[in-house]
Amino acid sequence: MGNKLSYFPILSPKYLTFTRMTCFGVFMINTIKEIIEIDIRPRVQGHNGDIEFISYSNNIVTVKLTGSCINCPIAFYTLKLGVLQTLQKTFPEISDVVQE
């Protein structure tokens, strides 16, 4: 019986950092989706619109607005004052929310 540790590859600190960042990224995206689905989406639907998460990259969340939000003159304010501020309560590093 040899040393069981020899069967496991040695992980470099660079890989471990990447893994932690990847895991946090997945957690963050899932949490953003959950906040949109549970908190933001019902409020948007209350105005005959809808919102869908598209992506998160470089601290920018991209969403798709549909329904009455498409032609709404205050959709910009919904994104900046509603969606962005709500997401920043959990993730202050989010710098912007944009439409697809």
PDB file of N, CA and C in Angstrom:
ATOM      1  N   MET A   1       0.844  -1.184   0.000  1.00  0.00           N
ATOM      2  CA  MET A   1       0.000   0.000   0.000  1.00  0.00           C
ATOM      3  C   MET A   1       0.881   1.235   0.000  1.00  0.00           C
ATOM      4  N   GLY A   2       0.729   2.033  -0.936  1.00  0.00           N
ATOM      5  CA  GLY A   2       1.535   3.242  -1.017  1.00  0.00           C
ATOM      6  C   GLY A   2       0.827   4.403  -0.351  1.00  0.00           C
ATOM      7  N   ASN A   3       1.450   5.501  -0.459  1.00  0.00           N
ATOM      8  CA  ASN A   3       0.871   6.730   0.064  1.00  0.00           C
ATOM      9  C   ASN A   3      -0.303   7.135  -0.835  1.00  0.00           C
ATOM     10  N   LYS A   4      -1.512   7.178  -0.285  1.00  0.00           N
ATOM     11  CA  LYS A   4      -2.699   7.492  -1.079  1.00  0.00           C
ATOM     12  C   LYS A   4      -2.646   8.895  -1.670  1.00  0.00           C
ATOM     13  N   LEU A   5      -1.926   9.783  -1.021  1.00  0.00           N
ATOM     14  CA  LEU A   5      -1.834  11.140  -1.539  1.00  0.00           C
ATOM     15  C   LEU A   5      -1.146  11.187  -2.892  1.00  0.00           C
ATOM     16  N   SER A   6      -0.315  10.182  -3.175  1.00  0.00           N
ATOM     17  CA  SER A   6       0.402  10.195  -4.446  1.00  0.00           C
ATOM     18  C   SER A   6      -0.534   9.982  -5.630  1.00  0.00           C
ATOM     19  N   TYR A   7      -1.737   9.518  -5.391  1.00  0.00           N
ATOM     20  CA  TYR A   7      -2.687   9.292  -6.472  1.00  0.00           C
ATOM     21  C   TYR A   7      -3.405  10.572  -6.907  1.00  0.00           C
ATOM     22  N   PHE A   8      -3.315  11.600  -6.129  1.00  0.00           N
ATOM     23  CA  PHE A   8      -4.003  12.847  -6.437  1.00  0.00           C
ATOM     24  C   PHE A   8      -3.035  13.833  -7.075  1.00  0.00           C
ATOM     25  N   PRO A   9      -3.466  14.513  -8.127  1.00  0.00           N
ATOM     26  CA  PRO A   9      -2.572  15.495  -8.752  1.00  0.00           C
ATOM     27  C   PRO A   9      -2.336  16.671  -7.808  1.00  0.00           C
ATOM     28  N   ILE A  10      -1.179  17.246  -7.924  1.00  0.00           N
ATOM     29  CA  ILE A  10      -0.863  18.428  -7.124  1.00  0.00           C
ATOM     30  C   ILE A  10      -1.477  19.631  -7.833  1.00  0.00           C
ATOM     31  N   LEU A  11      -2.265  20.389  -7.104  1.00  0.00           N
ATOM     32  CA  LEU A  11      -2.943  21.545  -7.679  1.00  0.00           C
ATOM     33  C   LEU A  11      -2.136  22.804  -7.399  1.00  0.00           C
ATOM     34  N   SER A  12      -1.883  23.550  -8.420  1.00  0.00           N
ATOM     35  CA  SER A  12      -1.111  24.781  -8.258  1.00  0.00           C
ATOM     36  C   SER A  12      -1.995  25.865  -7.645  1.00  0.00           C
ATOM     37  N   PRO A  13      -1.382  26.834  -6.959  1.00  0.00           N
ATOM     38  CA  PRO A  13      -2.165  27.954  -6.416  1.00  0.00           C
ATOM     39  C   PRO A  13      -2.938  28.691  -7.506  1.00  0.00           C
ATOM     40  N   LYS A  14      -2.361  28.766  -8.719  1.00  0.00           N
ATOM     41  CA  LYS A  14      -3.050  29.432  -9.828  1.00  0.00           C
ATOM     42  C   LYS A  14      -4.351  28.706 -10.145  1.00  0.00           C
ATOM     43  N   TYR A  15      -4.313  27.378 -10.184  1.00  0.00           N
ATOM     44  CA  TYR A  15      -5.514  26.591 -10.465  1.00  0.00           C
ATOM     45  C   TYR A  15      -6.536  26.761  -9.349  1.00  0.00           C
ATOM     46  N   LEU A  16      -6.065  26.731  -8.105  1.00  0.00           N
ATOM     47  CA  LEU A  16      -6.986  26.877  -6.975  1.00  0.00           C
ATOM     48  C   LEU A  16      -7.659  28.246  -6.994  1.00  0.00           C
ATOM     49  N   THR A  17      -6.912  29.294  -7.334  1.00  0.00           N
ATOM     50  CA  THR A  17      -7.498  30.629  -7.438  1.00  0.00           C
ATOM     51  C   THR A  17      -8.541  30.656  -8.539  1.00  0.00           C
ATOM     52  N   PHE A  18      -8.215  30.063  -9.697  1.00  0.00           N
ATOM     53  CA  PHE A  18      -9.163  29.993 -10.811  1.00  0.00           C
ATOM     54  C   PHE A  18     -10.418  29.241 -10.397  1.00  0.00           C
ATOM     55  N   THR A  19     -10.243  28.132  -9.676  1.00  0.00           N
ATOM     56  CA  THR A  19     -11.383  27.325  -9.235  1.00  0.00           C
ATOM     57  C   THR A  19     -12.264  28.115  -8.279  1.00  0.00           C
ATOM     58  N   ARG A  20     -11.659  28.815  -7.328  1.00  0.00           N
ATOM     59  CA  ARG A  20     -12.440  29.630  -6.388  1.00  0.00           C
ATOM     60  C   ARG A  20     -13.188  30.725  -7.131  1.00  0.00           C
ATOM     61  N   MET A  21     -12.512  31.372  -8.079  1.00  0.00           N
ATOM     62  CA  MET A  21     -13.163  32.434  -8.843  1.00  0.00           C
ATOM     63  C   MET A  21     -14.298  31.870  -9.685  1.00  0.00           C
ATOM     64  N   THR A  22     -14.083  30.698 -10.280  1.00  0.00           N
ATOM     65  CA  THR A  22     -15.123  30.075 -11.094  1.00  0.00           C
ATOM     66  C   THR A  22     -16.318  29.705 -10.234  1.00  0.00           C
ATOM     67  N   CYS A  23     -16.071  29.123  -9.067  1.00  0.00           N
ATOM     68  CA  CYS A  23     -17.167  28.754  -8.169  1.00  0.00           C
ATOM     69  C   CYS A  23     -17.930  29.994  -7.717  1.00  0.00           C
ATOM     70  N   PHE A  24     -17.212  31.071  -7.377  1.00  0.00           N
ATOM     71  CA  PHE A  24     -17.893  32.291  -6.967  1.00  0.00           C
ATOM     72  C   PHE A  24     -18.679  32.872  -8.131  1.00  0.00           C
ATOM     73  N   GLY A  25     -18.113  32.810  -9.350  1.00  0.00           N
ATOM     74  CA  GLY A  25     -18.818  33.309 -10.528  1.00  0.00           C
ATOM     75  C   GLY A  25     -20.126  32.582 -10.753  1.00  0.00           C
ATOM     76  N   VAL A  26     -20.106  31.260 -10.604  1.00  0.00           N
ATOM     77  CA  VAL A  26     -21.326  30.462 -10.760  1.00  0.00           C
ATOM     78  C   VAL A  26     -22.322  30.832  -9.667  1.00  0.00           C
ATOM     79  N   PHE A  27     -21.837  30.960  -8.432  1.00  0.00           N
ATOM     80  CA  PHE A  27     -22.699  31.362  -7.317  1.00  0.00           C
ATOM     81  C   PHE A  27     -23.317  32.733  -7.587  1.00  0.00           C
ATOM     82  N   MET A  28     -22.493  33.668  -8.069  1.00  0.00           N
ATOM     83  CA  MET A  28     -22.972  35.029  -8.307  1.00  0.00           C
ATOM     84  C   MET A  28     -24.035  35.050  -9.401  1.00  0.00           C
ATOM     85  N   ILE A  29     -23.780  34.362 -10.497  1.00  0.00           N
ATOM     86  CA  ILE A  29     -24.755  34.321 -11.594  1.00  0.00           C
ATOM     87  C   ILE A  29     -26.058  33.692 -11.126  1.00  0.00           C
ATOM     88  N   ASN A  30     -25.970  32.601 -10.388  1.00  0.00           N
ATOM     89  CA  ASN A  30     -27.189  31.952  -9.887  1.00  0.00           C
ATOM     90  C   ASN A  30     -27.949  32.862  -8.931  1.00  0.00           C
ATOM     91  N   THR A  31     -27.227  33.609  -8.110  1.00  0.00           N
ATOM     92  CA  THR A  31     -27.875  34.532  -7.177  1.00  0.00           C
ATOM     93  C   THR A  31     -28.517  35.699  -7.926  1.00  0.00           C
ATOM     94  N   ILE A  32     -27.841  36.227  -8.936  1.00  0.00           N
ATOM     95  CA  ILE A  32     -28.424  37.300  -9.755  1.00  0.00           C
ATOM     96  C   ILE A  32     -29.714  36.813 -10.398  1.00  0.00           C
ATOM     97  N   LYS A  33     -29.680  35.608 -10.972  1.00  0.00           N
ATOM     98  CA  LYS A  33     -30.887  35.039 -11.593  1.00  0.00           C
ATOM     99  C   LYS A  33     -32.017  34.918 -10.576  1.00  0.00           C
ATOM    100  N   GLU A  34     -31.674  34.479  -9.371  1.00  0.00           N
ATOM    101  CA  GLU A  34     -32.682  34.302  -8.320  1.00  0.00           C
ATOM    102  C   GLU A  34     -33.278  35.644  -7.893  1.00  0.00           C
ATOM    103  N   ILE A  35     -32.437  36.660  -7.733  1.00  0.00           N
ATOM    104  CA  ILE A  35     -32.931  37.990  -7.356  1.00  0.00           C
ATOM    105  C   ILE A  35     -33.874  38.522  -8.432  1.00  0.00           C
ATOM    106  N   ILE A  36     -33.480  38.358  -9.690  1.00  0.00           N
ATOM    107  CA  ILE A  36     -34.339  38.819 -10.788  1.00  0.00           C
ATOM    108  C   ILE A  36     -35.657  38.063 -10.767  1.00  0.00           C
ATOM    109  N   GLU A  37     -35.595  36.753 -10.622  1.00  0.00           N
ATOM    110  CA  GLU A  37     -36.800  35.917 -10.686  1.00  0.00           C
ATOM    111  C   GLU A  37     -37.749  36.179  -9.513  1.00  0.00           C
ATOM    112  N   ILE A  38     -37.205  36.295  -8.310  1.00  0.00           N
ATOM    113  CA  ILE A  38     -38.042  36.376  -7.107  1.00  0.00           C
ATOM    114  C   ILE A  38     -38.430  37.812  -6.747  1.00  0.00           C
ATOM    115  N   ASP A  39     -37.517  38.750  -6.933  1.00  0.00           N
ATOM    116  CA  ASP A  39     -37.750  40.113  -6.462  1.00  0.00           C
ATOM    117  C   ASP A  39     -38.125  41.087  -7.585  1.00  0.00           C
ATOM    118  N   ILE A  40     -37.368  41.071  -8.667  1.00  0.00           N
ATOM    119  CA  ILE A  40     -37.548  42.081  -9.712  1.00  0.00           C
ATOM    120  C   ILE A  40     -38.642  41.706 -10.704  1.00  0.00           C
ATOM    121  N   ARG A  41     -38.636  40.481 -11.161  1.00  0.00           N
ATOM    122  CA  ARG A  41     -39.570  40.058 -12.215  1.00  0.00           C
ATOM    123  C   ARG A  41     -41.040  40.287 -11.852  1.00  0.00           C
ATOM    124  N   PRO A  42     -41.484  39.931 -10.646  1.00  0.00           N
ATOM    125  CA  PRO A  42     -42.895  40.176 -10.311  1.00  0.00           C
ATOM    126  C   PRO A  42     -43.278  41.661 -10.386  1.00  0.00           C
ATOM    127  N   ARG A  43     -42.351  42.544 -10.014  1.00  0.00           N
ATOM    128  CA  ARG A  43     -42.648  43.981 -10.090  1.00  0.00           C
ATOM    129  C   ARG A  43     -42.757  44.444 -11.539  1.00  0.00           C
ATOM    130  N   VAL A  44     -41.885  43.926 -12.399  1.00  0.00           N
ATOM    131  CA  VAL A  44     -41.944  44.284 -13.819  1.00  0.00           C
ATOM    132  C   VAL A  44     -43.214  43.711 -14.448  1.00  0.00           C
ATOM    133  N   GLN A  45     -43.563  42.484 -14.077  1.00  0.00           N
ATOM    134  CA  GLN A  45     -44.778  41.862 -14.610  1.00  0.00           C
ATOM    135  C   GLN A  45     -46.028  42.611 -14.160  1.00  0.00           C
ATOM    136  N   GLY A  46     -45.952  43.264 -13.017  1.00  0.00           N
ATOM    137  CA  GLY A  46     -47.067  44.067 -12.530  1.00  0.00           C
ATOM    138  C   GLY A  46     -47.383  45.251 -13.434  1.00  0.00           C
ATOM    139  N   HIS A  47     -46.448  45.584 -14.312  1.00  0.00           N
ATOM    140  CA  HIS A  47     -46.640  46.669 -15.282  1.00  0.00           C
ATOM    141  C   HIS A  47     -46.749  46.106 -16.700  1.00  0.00           C
ATOM    142  N   ASN A  48     -47.188  44.838 -16.796  1.00  0.00           N
ATOM    143  CA  ASN A  48     -47.382  44.143 -18.079  1.00  0.00           C
ATOM    144  C   ASN A  48     -46.102  43.988 -18.895  1.00  0.00           C
ATOM    145  N   GLY A  49     -44.984  43.925 -18.217  1.00  0.00           N
ATOM    146  CA  GLY A  49     -43.708  43.683 -18.882  1.00  0.00           C
ATOM    147  C   GLY A  49     -43.082  42.413 -18.353  1.00  0.00           C
ATOM    148  N   ASP A  50     -41.873  42.157 -18.767  1.00  0.00           N
ATOM    149  CA  ASP A  50     -41.139  41.005 -18.254  1.00  0.00           C
ATOM    150  C   ASP A  50     -39.649  41.282 -18.392  1.00  0.00           C
ATOM    151  N   ILE A  51     -38.858  40.553 -17.624  1.00  0.00           N
ATOM    152  CA  ILE A  51     -37.409  40.708 -17.635  1.00  0.00           C
ATOM    153  C   ILE A  51     -36.784  39.327 -17.581  1.00  0.00           C
ATOM    154  N   GLU A  52     -35.708  39.160 -18.326  1.00  0.00           N
ATOM    155  CA  GLU A  52     -35.017  37.878 -18.389  1.00  0.00           C
ATOM    156  C   GLU A  52     -33.513  38.128 -18.282  1.00  0.00           C
ATOM    157  N   PHE A  53     -32.841  37.353 -17.432  1.00  0.00           N
ATOM    158  CA  PHE A  53     -31.386  37.427 -17.320  1.00  0.00           C
ATOM    159  C   PHE A  53     -30.766  36.866 -18.593  1.00  0.00           C
ATOM    160  N   ILE A  54     -29.778  37.578 -19.147  1.00  0.00           N
ATOM    161  CA  ILE A  54     -29.065  37.108 -20.333  1.00  0.00           C
ATOM    162  C   ILE A  54     -27.630  36.722 -19.983  1.00  0.00           C
ATOM    163  N   SER A  55     -26.887  37.634 -19.335  1.00  0.00           N
ATOM    164  CA  SER A  55     -25.490  37.318 -19.033  1.00  0.00           C
ATOM    165  C   SER A  55     -24.939  38.241 -17.951  1.00  0.00           C
ATOM    166  N   TYR A  56     -23.770  37.847 -17.456  1.00  0.00           N
ATOM    167  CA  TYR A  56     -23.005  38.671 -16.522  1.00  0.00           C
ATOM    168  C   TYR A  56     -21.545  38.588 -16.943  1.00  0.00           C
ATOM    169  N   SER A  57     -20.942  39.749 -17.195  1.00  0.00           N
ATOM    170  CA  SER A  57     -19.538  39.784 -17.599  1.00  0.00           C
ATOM    171  C   SER A  57     -18.953  41.148 -17.257  1.00  0.00           C
ATOM    172  N   ASN A  58     -17.746  41.138 -16.711  1.00  0.00           N
ATOM    173  CA  ASN A  58     -17.037  42.386 -16.381  1.00  0.00           C
ATOM    174  C   ASN A  58     -17.882  43.333 -15.534  1.00  0.00           C
ATOM    175  N   ASN A  59     -18.563  42.779 -14.553  1.00  0.00           N
ATOM    176  CA  ASN A  59     -19.401  43.535 -13.613  1.00  0.00           C
ATOM    177  C   ASN A  59     -20.612  44.197 -14.264  1.00  0.00           C
ATOM    178  N   ILE A  60     -21.008  43.719 -15.433  1.00  0.00           N
ATOM    179  CA  ILE A  60     -22.184  44.249 -16.121  1.00  0.00           C
ATOM    180  C   ILE A  60     -23.191  43.124 -16.328  1.00  0.00           C
ATOM    181  N   VAL A  61     -24.422  43.371 -15.895  1.00  0.00           N
ATOM    182  CA  VAL A  61     -25.511  42.411 -16.077  1.00  0.00           C
ATOM    183  C   VAL A  61     -26.284  42.819 -17.328  1.00  0.00           C
ATOM    184  N   THR A  62     -26.525  41.845 -18.204  1.00  0.00           N
ATOM    185  CA  THR A  62     -27.328  42.086 -19.398  1.00  0.00           C
ATOM    186  C   THR A  62     -28.658  41.371 -19.232  1.00  0.00           C
ATOM    187  N   VAL A  63     -29.741  42.097 -19.478  1.00  0.00           N
ATOM    188  CA  VAL A  63     -31.086  41.535 -19.358  1.00  0.00           C
ATOM    189  C   VAL A  63     -31.860  41.822 -20.640  1.00  0.00           C
ATOM    190  N   LYS A  64     -32.959  41.123 -20.792  1.00  0.00           N
ATOM    191  CA  LYS A  64     -33.865  41.368 -21.913  1.00  0.00           C
ATOM    192  C   LYS A  64     -35.202  41.799 -21.335  1.00  0.00           C
ATOM    193  N   LEU A  65     -35.660  42.972 -21.735  1.00  0.00           N
ATOM    194  CA  LEU A  65     -36.973  43.463 -21.332  1.00  0.00           C
ATOM    195  C   LEU A  65     -37.963  43.148 -22.446  1.00  0.00           C
ATOM    196  N   THR A  66     -39.132  42.644 -22.071  1.00  0.00           N
ATOM    197  CA  THR A  66     -40.156  42.311 -23.056  1.00  0.00           C
ATOM    198  C   THR A  66     -41.504  42.865 -22.606  1.00  0.00           C
ATOM    199  N   GLY A  67     -42.516  42.631 -23.410  1.00  0.00           N
ATOM    200  CA  GLY A  67     -43.857  43.113 -23.083  1.00  0.00           C
ATOM    201  C   GLY A  67     -43.930  44.619 -23.209  1.00  0.00           C
ATOM    202  N   SER A  68     -44.664  45.242 -22.302  1.00  0.00           N
ATOM    203  CA  SER A  68     -44.837  46.694 -22.377  1.00  0.00           C
ATOM    204  C   SER A  68     -43.542  47.450 -22.097  1.00  0.00           C
ATOM    205  N   CYS A  69     -42.533  46.763 -21.587  1.00  0.00           N
ATOM    206  CA  CYS A  69     -41.239  47.415 -21.323  1.00  0.00           C
ATOM    207  C   CYS A  69     -40.522  47.809 -22.612  1.00  0.00           C
ATOM    208  N   ILE A  70     -40.843  47.132 -23.711  1.00  0.00           N
ATOM    209  CA  ILE A  70     -40.141  47.382 -24.972  1.00  0.00           C
ATOM    210  C   ILE A  70     -40.288  48.837 -25.408  1.00  0.00           C
ATOM    211  N   ASN A  71     -41.486  49.372 -25.356  1.00  0.00           N
ATOM    212  CA  ASN A  71     -41.737  50.744 -25.808  1.00  0.00           C
ATOM    213  C   ASN A  71     -41.897  51.739 -24.665  1.00  0.00           C
ATOM    214  N   CYS A  72     -41.597  51.318 -23.463  1.00  0.00           N
ATOM    215  CA  CYS A  72     -41.803  52.182 -22.302  1.00  0.00           C
ATOM    216  C   CYS A  72     -40.739  53.283 -22.250  1.00  0.00           C
ATOM    217  N   PRO A  73     -41.170  54.536 -22.118  1.00  0.00           N
ATOM    218  CA  PRO A  73     -40.201  55.634 -22.080  1.00  0.00           C
ATOM    219  C   PRO A  73     -39.371  55.668 -20.794  1.00  0.00           C
ATOM    220  N   ILE A  74     -39.808  54.961 -19.757  1.00  0.00           N
ATOM    221  CA  ILE A  74     -39.028  54.970 -18.512  1.00  0.00           C
ATOM    222  C   ILE A  74     -38.326  53.635 -18.255  1.00  0.00           C
ATOM    223  N   ALA A  75     -38.177  52.805 -19.278  1.00  0.00           N
ATOM    224  CA  ALA A  75     -37.471  51.524 -19.114  1.00  0.00           C
ATOM    225  C   ALA A  75     -36.038  51.748 -18.638  1.00  0.00           C
ATOM    226  N   PHE A  76     -35.412  52.821 -19.096  1.00  0.00           N
ATOM    227  CA  PHE A  76     -34.057  53.164 -18.666  1.00  0.00           C
ATOM    228  C   PHE A  76     -34.004  53.320 -17.147  1.00  0.00           C
ATOM    229  N   TYR A  77     -34.993  54.015 -16.588  1.00  0.00           N
ATOM    230  CA  TYR A  77     -35.027  54.235 -15.144  1.00  0.00           C
ATOM    231  C   TYR A  77     -35.322  52.942 -14.394  1.00  0.00           C
ATOM    232  N   THR A  78     -36.120  52.085 -14.997  1.00  0.00           N
ATOM    233  CA  THR A  78     -36.374  50.772 -14.393  1.00  0.00           C
ATOM    234  C   THR A  78     -35.065  50.014 -14.254  1.00  0.00           C
ATOM    235  N   LEU A  79     -34.241  50.056 -15.293  1.00  0.00           N
ATOM    236  CA  LEU A  79     -32.953  49.355 -15.250  1.00  0.00           C
ATOM    237  C   LEU A  79     -32.009  49.972 -14.229  1.00  0.00           C
ATOM    238  N   LYS A  80     -31.865  51.282 -14.257  1.00  0.00           N
ATOM    239  CA  LYS A  80     -30.859  51.948 -13.419  1.00  0.00           C
ATOM    240  C   LYS A  80     -31.306  52.131 -11.972  1.00  0.00           C
ATOM    241  N   LEU A  81     -32.553  52.506 -11.759  1.00  0.00           N
ATOM    242  CA  LEU A  81     -33.017  52.774 -10.397  1.00  0.00           C
ATOM    243  C   LEU A  81     -33.668  51.560  -9.747  1.00  0.00           C
ATOM    244  N   GLY A  82     -34.166  50.655 -10.549  1.00  0.00           N
ATOM    245  CA  GLY A  82     -34.816  49.470  -9.998  1.00  0.00           C
ATOM    246  C   GLY A  82     -33.905  48.264  -9.992  1.00  0.00           C
ATOM    247  N   VAL A  83     -33.560  47.796 -11.168  1.00  0.00           N
ATOM    248  CA  VAL A  83     -32.791  46.555 -11.296  1.00  0.00           C
ATOM    249  C   VAL A  83     -31.373  46.718 -10.753  1.00  0.00           C
ATOM    250  N   LEU A  84     -30.649  47.736 -11.204  1.00  0.00           N
ATOM    251  CA  LEU A  84     -29.260  47.927 -10.775  1.00  0.00           C
ATOM    252  C   LEU A  84     -29.155  48.101  -9.267  1.00  0.00           C
ATOM    253  N   GLN A  85     -29.965  48.976  -8.706  1.00  0.00           N
ATOM    254  CA  GLN A  85     -29.880  49.217  -7.262  1.00  0.00           C
ATOM    255  C   GLN A  85     -30.259  47.979  -6.455  1.00  0.00           C
ATOM    256  N   THR A  86     -31.231  47.214  -6.937  1.00  0.00           N
ATOM    257  CA  THR A  86     -31.617  45.989  -6.234  1.00  0.00           C
ATOM    258  C   THR A  86     -30.472  44.983  -6.256  1.00  0.00           C
ATOM    259  N   LEU A  87     -29.832  44.809  -7.402  1.00  0.00           N
ATOM    260  CA  LEU A  87     -28.718  43.859  -7.504  1.00  0.00           C
ATOM    261  C   LEU A  87     -27.504  44.328  -6.701  1.00  0.00           C
ATOM    262  N   GLN A  88     -27.270  45.633  -6.659  1.00  0.00           N
ATOM    263  CA  GLN A  88     -26.119  46.164  -5.923  1.00  0.00           C
ATOM    264  C   GLN A  88     -26.252  46.004  -4.411  1.00  0.00           C
ATOM    265  N   LYS A  89     -27.445  45.792  -3.913  1.00  0.00           N
ATOM    266  CA  LYS A  89     -27.608  45.526  -2.479  1.00  0.00           C
ATOM    267  C   LYS A  89     -26.897  44.235  -2.099  1.00  0.00           C
ATOM    268  N   THR A  90     -26.890  43.272  -3.004  1.00  0.00           N
ATOM    269  CA  THR A  90     -26.226  41.997  -2.751  1.00  0.00           C
ATOM    270  C   THR A  90     -24.807  41.985  -3.308  1.00  0.00           C
ATOM    271  N   PHE A  91     -24.613  42.565  -4.483  1.00  0.00           N
ATOM    272  CA  PHE A  91     -23.307  42.579  -5.145  1.00  0.00           C
ATOM    273  C   PHE A  91     -22.939  44.014  -5.530  1.00  0.00           C
ATOM    274  N   PRO A  92     -22.320  44.764  -4.610  1.00  0.00           N
ATOM    275  CA  PRO A  92     -21.972  46.161  -4.892  1.00  0.00           C
ATOM    276  C   PRO A  92     -21.022  46.323  -6.079  1.00  0.00           C
ATOM    277  N   GLU A  93     -20.322  45.265  -6.440  1.00  0.00           N
ATOM    278  CA  GLU A  93     -19.369  45.360  -7.545  1.00  0.00           C
ATOM    279  C   GLU A  93     -20.041  45.431  -8.919  1.00  0.00           C
ATOM    280  N   ILE A  94     -21.342  45.152  -8.990  1.00  0.00           N
ATOM    281  CA  ILE A  94     -22.055  45.284 -10.263  1.00  0.00           C
ATOM    282  C   ILE A  94     -22.090  46.768 -10.619  1.00  0.00           C
ATOM    283  N   SER A  95     -21.547  47.098 -11.793  1.00  0.00           N
ATOM    284  CA  SER A  95     -21.430  48.507 -12.175  1.00  0.00           C
ATOM    285  C   SER A  95     -22.554  48.996 -13.080  1.00  0.00           C
ATOM    286  N   ASP A  96     -23.219  48.063 -13.779  1.00  0.00           N
ATOM    287  CA  ASP A  96     -24.261  48.513 -14.698  1.00  0.00           C
ATOM    288  C   ASP A  96     -25.193  47.358 -15.050  1.00  0.00           C
ATOM    289  N   VAL A  97     -26.387  47.718 -15.487  1.00  0.00           N
ATOM    290  CA  VAL A  97     -27.351  46.772 -16.052  1.00  0.00           C
ATOM    291  C   VAL A  97     -27.741  47.345 -17.406  1.00  0.00           C
ATOM    292  N   VAL A  98     -27.610  46.522 -18.445  1.00  0.00           N
ATOM    293  CA  VAL A  98     -27.914  46.979 -19.800  1.00  0.00           C
ATOM    294  C   VAL A  98     -28.905  46.025 -20.456  1.00  0.00           C
ATOM    295  N   GLN A  99     -29.592  46.539 -21.481  1.00  0.00           N
ATOM    296  CA  GLN A  99     -30.522  45.713 -22.248  1.00  0.00           C
ATOM    297  C   GLN A  99     -29.781  44.998 -23.368  1.00  0.00           C
ATOM    298  N   GLU A 100     -30.263  43.821 -23.697  1.00  0.00           N
ATOM    299  CA  GLU A 100     -29.702  43.059 -24.814  1.00  0.00           C
ATOM    300  C   GLU A 100     -30.043  43.751 -26.110  1.00  0.00           C
TER     301      GLU A 100
END
